Amino acid sequence: MTSLSSLEIIQSIMPVTIGASLGLLALLGIRELVKETSAAFKKRANA
């Protein structure tokens, strides 16, 4: 395997890795938003 072919493999994997990590962070952010929103509505309902 030459360095050129390994560079091509890395360049093809890099966008997938970045996209997957950004997607995971977005899902975690949405989960946190839903958790905070439900907690705020529970506090509002009890007040």
PDB file of N, CA and C in Angstrom:
ATOM      1  N   MET A   1       0.860  -1.176   0.000  1.00  0.00           N
ATOM      2  CA  MET A   1       0.000   0.000   0.000  1.00  0.00           C
ATOM      3  C   MET A   1       0.901   1.234   0.000  1.00  0.00           C
ATOM      4  N   THR A   2       0.701   2.069  -0.937  1.00  0.00           N
ATOM      5  CA  THR A   2       1.512   3.271  -1.024  1.00  0.00           C
ATOM      6  C   THR A   2       0.921   4.359  -0.153  1.00  0.00           C
ATOM      7  N   SER A   3       1.714   5.385   0.039  1.00  0.00           N
ATOM      8  CA  SER A   3       1.225   6.486   0.866  1.00  0.00           C
ATOM      9  C   SER A   3       0.084   7.223   0.173  1.00  0.00           C
ATOM     10  N   LEU A   4       0.075   7.194  -1.156  1.00  0.00           N
ATOM     11  CA  LEU A   4      -1.003   7.853  -1.890  1.00  0.00           C
ATOM     12  C   LEU A   4      -2.331   7.135  -1.697  1.00  0.00           C
ATOM     13  N   SER A   5      -2.321   5.815  -1.715  1.00  0.00           N
ATOM     14  CA  SER A   5      -3.574   5.078  -1.516  1.00  0.00           C
ATOM     15  C   SER A   5      -4.047   5.183  -0.073  1.00  0.00           C
ATOM     16  N   SER A   6      -3.123   5.206   0.878  1.00  0.00           N
ATOM     17  CA  SER A   6      -3.543   5.375   2.266  1.00  0.00           C
ATOM     18  C   SER A   6      -4.104   6.769   2.489  1.00  0.00           C
ATOM     19  N   LEU A   7      -3.565   7.762   1.790  1.00  0.00           N
ATOM     20  CA  LEU A   7      -4.105   9.115   1.885  1.00  0.00           C
ATOM     21  C   LEU A   7      -5.516   9.178   1.304  1.00  0.00           C
ATOM     22  N   GLU A   8      -5.762   8.468   0.225  1.00  0.00           N
ATOM     23  CA  GLU A   8      -7.101   8.426  -0.361  1.00  0.00           C
ATOM     24  C   GLU A   8      -8.096   7.761   0.581  1.00  0.00           C
ATOM     25  N   ILE A   9      -7.668   6.715   1.258  1.00  0.00           N
ATOM     26  CA  ILE A   9      -8.542   6.036   2.223  1.00  0.00           C
ATOM     27  C   ILE A   9      -8.880   6.969   3.378  1.00  0.00           C
ATOM     28  N   ILE A  10      -7.873   7.668   3.879  1.00  0.00           N
ATOM     29  CA  ILE A  10      -8.106   8.600   4.983  1.00  0.00           C
ATOM     30  C   ILE A  10      -9.042   9.721   4.544  1.00  0.00           C
ATOM     31  N   GLN A  11      -8.855  10.231   3.334  1.00  0.00           N
ATOM     32  CA  GLN A  11      -9.708  11.308   2.844  1.00  0.00           C
ATOM     33  C   GLN A  11     -11.142  10.843   2.620  1.00  0.00           C
ATOM     34  N   SER A  12     -11.351   9.572   2.357  1.00  0.00           N
ATOM     35  CA  SER A  12     -12.716   9.082   2.174  1.00  0.00           C
ATOM     36  C   SER A  12     -13.390   8.776   3.513  1.00  0.00           C
ATOM     37  N   ILE A  13     -12.616   8.428   4.509  1.00  0.00           N
ATOM     38  CA  ILE A  13     -13.183   8.098   5.822  1.00  0.00           C
ATOM     39  C   ILE A  13     -13.428   9.352   6.656  1.00  0.00           C
ATOM     40  N   MET A  14     -12.616  10.388   6.471  1.00  0.00           N
ATOM     41  CA  MET A  14     -12.689  11.583   7.303  1.00  0.00           C
ATOM     42  C   MET A  14     -14.073  12.248   7.293  1.00  0.00           C
ATOM     43  N   PRO A  15     -14.726  12.488   6.155  1.00  0.00           N
ATOM     44  CA  PRO A  15     -16.051  13.124   6.195  1.00  0.00           C
ATOM     45  C   PRO A  15     -17.103  12.285   6.918  1.00  0.00           C
ATOM     46  N   VAL A  16     -17.000  10.979   6.789  1.00  0.00           N
ATOM     47  CA  VAL A  16     -17.945  10.096   7.479  1.00  0.00           C
ATOM     48  C   VAL A  16     -17.754  10.212   8.985  1.00  0.00           C
ATOM     49  N   THR A  17     -16.514  10.231   9.409  1.00  0.00           N
ATOM     50  CA  THR A  17     -16.208  10.338  10.835  1.00  0.00           C
ATOM     51  C   THR A  17     -16.682  11.672  11.402  1.00  0.00           C
ATOM     52  N   ILE A  18     -16.413  12.737  10.685  1.00  0.00           N
ATOM     53  CA  ILE A  18     -16.837  14.066  11.148  1.00  0.00           C
ATOM     54  C   ILE A  18     -18.360  14.163  11.169  1.00  0.00           C
ATOM     55  N   GLY A  19     -19.012  13.665  10.145  1.00  0.00           N
ATOM     56  CA  GLY A  19     -20.471  13.700  10.102  1.00  0.00           C
ATOM     57  C   GLY A  19     -21.111  12.881  11.208  1.00  0.00           C
ATOM     58  N   ALA A  20     -20.544  11.714  11.473  1.00  0.00           N
ATOM     59  CA  ALA A  20     -21.093  10.864  12.532  1.00  0.00           C
ATOM     60  C   ALA A  20     -20.919  11.509  13.901  1.00  0.00           C
ATOM     61  N   SER A  21     -19.767  12.124  14.139  1.00  0.00           N
ATOM     62  CA  SER A  21     -19.552  12.757  15.438  1.00  0.00           C
ATOM     63  C   SER A  21     -20.446  13.982  15.611  1.00  0.00           C
ATOM     64  N   LEU A  22     -20.636  14.763  14.553  1.00  0.00           N
ATOM     65  CA  LEU A  22     -21.549  15.904  14.640  1.00  0.00           C
ATOM     66  C   LEU A  22     -22.992  15.451  14.849  1.00  0.00           C
ATOM     67  N   GLY A  23     -23.375  14.375  14.182  1.00  0.00           N
ATOM     68  CA  GLY A  23     -24.714  13.828  14.376  1.00  0.00           C
ATOM     69  C   GLY A  23     -24.936  13.345  15.799  1.00  0.00           C
ATOM     70  N   LEU A  24     -23.926  12.692  16.360  1.00  0.00           N
ATOM     71  CA  LEU A  24     -24.025  12.223  17.746  1.00  0.00           C
ATOM     72  C   LEU A  24     -24.149  13.394  18.707  1.00  0.00           C
ATOM     73  N   LEU A  25     -23.353  14.429  18.488  1.00  0.00           N
ATOM     74  CA  LEU A  25     -23.450  15.608  19.347  1.00  0.00           C
ATOM     75  C   LEU A  25     -24.812  16.289  19.219  1.00  0.00           C
ATOM     76  N   ALA A  26     -25.365  16.310  18.016  1.00  0.00           N
ATOM     77  CA  ALA A  26     -26.690  16.904  17.821  1.00  0.00           C
ATOM     78  C   ALA A  26     -27.756  16.102  18.566  1.00  0.00           C
ATOM     79  N   LEU A  27     -27.666  14.783  18.506  1.00  0.00           N
ATOM     80  CA  LEU A  27     -28.633  13.960  19.226  1.00  0.00           C
ATOM     81  C   LEU A  27     -28.525  14.151  20.733  1.00  0.00           C
ATOM     82  N   LEU A  28     -27.315  14.261  21.231  1.00  0.00           N
ATOM     83  CA  LEU A  28     -27.132  14.504  22.657  1.00  0.00           C
ATOM     84  C   LEU A  28     -27.684  15.879  23.052  1.00  0.00           C
ATOM     85  N   GLY A  29     -27.512  16.858  22.182  1.00  0.00           N
ATOM     86  CA  GLY A  29     -28.045  18.185  22.460  1.00  0.00           C
ATOM     87  C   GLY A  29     -29.561  18.203  22.467  1.00  0.00           C
ATOM     88  N   ILE A  30     -30.169  17.494  21.534  1.00  0.00           N
ATOM     89  CA  ILE A  30     -31.635  17.414  21.492  1.00  0.00           C
ATOM     90  C   ILE A  30     -32.151  16.712  22.745  1.00  0.00           C
ATOM     91  N   ARG A  31     -31.463  15.662  23.161  1.00  0.00           N
ATOM     92  CA  ARG A  31     -31.867  14.936  24.369  1.00  0.00           C
ATOM     93  C   ARG A  31     -31.815  15.846  25.590  1.00  0.00           C
ATOM     94  N   GLU A  32     -30.747  16.640  25.694  1.00  0.00           N
ATOM     95  CA  GLU A  32     -30.612  17.565  26.814  1.00  0.00           C
ATOM     96  C   GLU A  32     -31.685  18.651  26.762  1.00  0.00           C
ATOM     97  N   LEU A  33     -32.009  19.129  25.568  1.00  0.00           N
ATOM     98  CA  LEU A  33     -33.052  20.147  25.413  1.00  0.00           C
ATOM     99  C   LEU A  33     -34.405  19.615  25.860  1.00  0.00           C
ATOM    100  N   VAL A  34     -34.731  18.390  25.481  1.00  0.00           N
ATOM    101  CA  VAL A  34     -36.004  17.793  25.875  1.00  0.00           C
ATOM    102  C   VAL A  34     -36.050  17.604  27.391  1.00  0.00           C
ATOM    103  N   LYS A  35     -34.932  17.184  27.974  1.00  0.00           N
ATOM    104  CA  LYS A  35     -34.873  16.985  29.418  1.00  0.00           C
ATOM    105  C   LYS A  35     -35.095  18.299  30.168  1.00  0.00           C
ATOM    106  N   GLU A  36     -34.415  19.352  29.724  1.00  0.00           N
ATOM    107  CA  GLU A  36     -34.559  20.654  30.382  1.00  0.00           C
ATOM    108  C   GLU A  36     -35.953  21.237  30.184  1.00  0.00           C
ATOM    109  N   THR A  37     -36.523  21.048  29.006  1.00  0.00           N
ATOM    110  CA  THR A  37     -37.857  21.567  28.737  1.00  0.00           C
ATOM    111  C   THR A  37     -38.898  20.864  29.592  1.00  0.00           C
ATOM    112  N   SER A  38     -38.779  19.560  29.708  1.00  0.00           N
ATOM    113  CA  SER A  38     -39.756  18.841  30.534  1.00  0.00           C
ATOM    114  C   SER A  38     -39.612  19.211  32.008  1.00  0.00           C
ATOM    115  N   ALA A  39     -38.392  19.441  32.461  1.00  0.00           N
ATOM    116  CA  ALA A  39     -38.192  19.858  33.851  1.00  0.00           C
ATOM    117  C   ALA A  39     -38.784  21.237  34.084  1.00  0.00           C
ATOM    118  N   ALA A  40     -38.649  22.133  33.118  1.00  0.00           N
ATOM    119  CA  ALA A  40     -39.204  23.476  33.257  1.00  0.00           C
ATOM    120  C   ALA A  40     -40.728  23.440  33.279  1.00  0.00           C
ATOM    121  N   PHE A  41     -41.325  22.604  32.447  1.00  0.00           N
ATOM    122  CA  PHE A  41     -42.791  22.506  32.448  1.00  0.00           C
ATOM    123  C   PHE A  41     -43.299  21.874  33.734  1.00  0.00           C
ATOM    124  N   LYS A  42     -42.554  20.934  34.300  1.00  0.00           N
ATOM    125  CA  LYS A  42     -42.973  20.327  35.577  1.00  0.00           C
ATOM    126  C   LYS A  42     -42.929  21.355  36.691  1.00  0.00           C
ATOM    127  N   LYS A  43     -41.892  22.190  36.705  1.00  0.00           N
ATOM    128  CA  LYS A  43     -41.800  23.234  37.727  1.00  0.00           C
ATOM    129  C   LYS A  43     -42.939  24.238  37.563  1.00  0.00           C
ATOM    130  N   ARG A  44     -43.248  24.569  36.308  1.00  0.00           N
ATOM    131  CA  ARG A  44     -44.319  25.522  36.034  1.00  0.00           C
ATOM    132  C   ARG A  44     -45.671  24.961  36.446  1.00  0.00           C
ATOM    133  N   ALA A  45     -45.881  23.670  36.247  1.00  0.00           N
ATOM    134  CA  ALA A  45     -47.161  23.052  36.590  1.00  0.00           C
ATOM    135  C   ALA A  45     -47.348  22.979  38.102  1.00  0.00           C
ATOM    136  N   ASN A  46     -46.246  22.810  38.841  1.00  0.00           N
ATOM    137  CA  ASN A  46     -46.334  22.711  40.299  1.00  0.00           C
ATOM    138  C   ASN A  46     -46.489  24.082  40.950  1.00  0.00           C
ATOM    139  N   ALA A  47     -46.098  25.133  40.275  1.00  0.00           N
ATOM    140  CA  ALA A  47     -46.137  26.479  40.864  1.00  0.00           C
ATOM    141  C   ALA A  47     -47.536  27.053  40.902  1.00  0.00           C
TER     142      ALA A  47
END
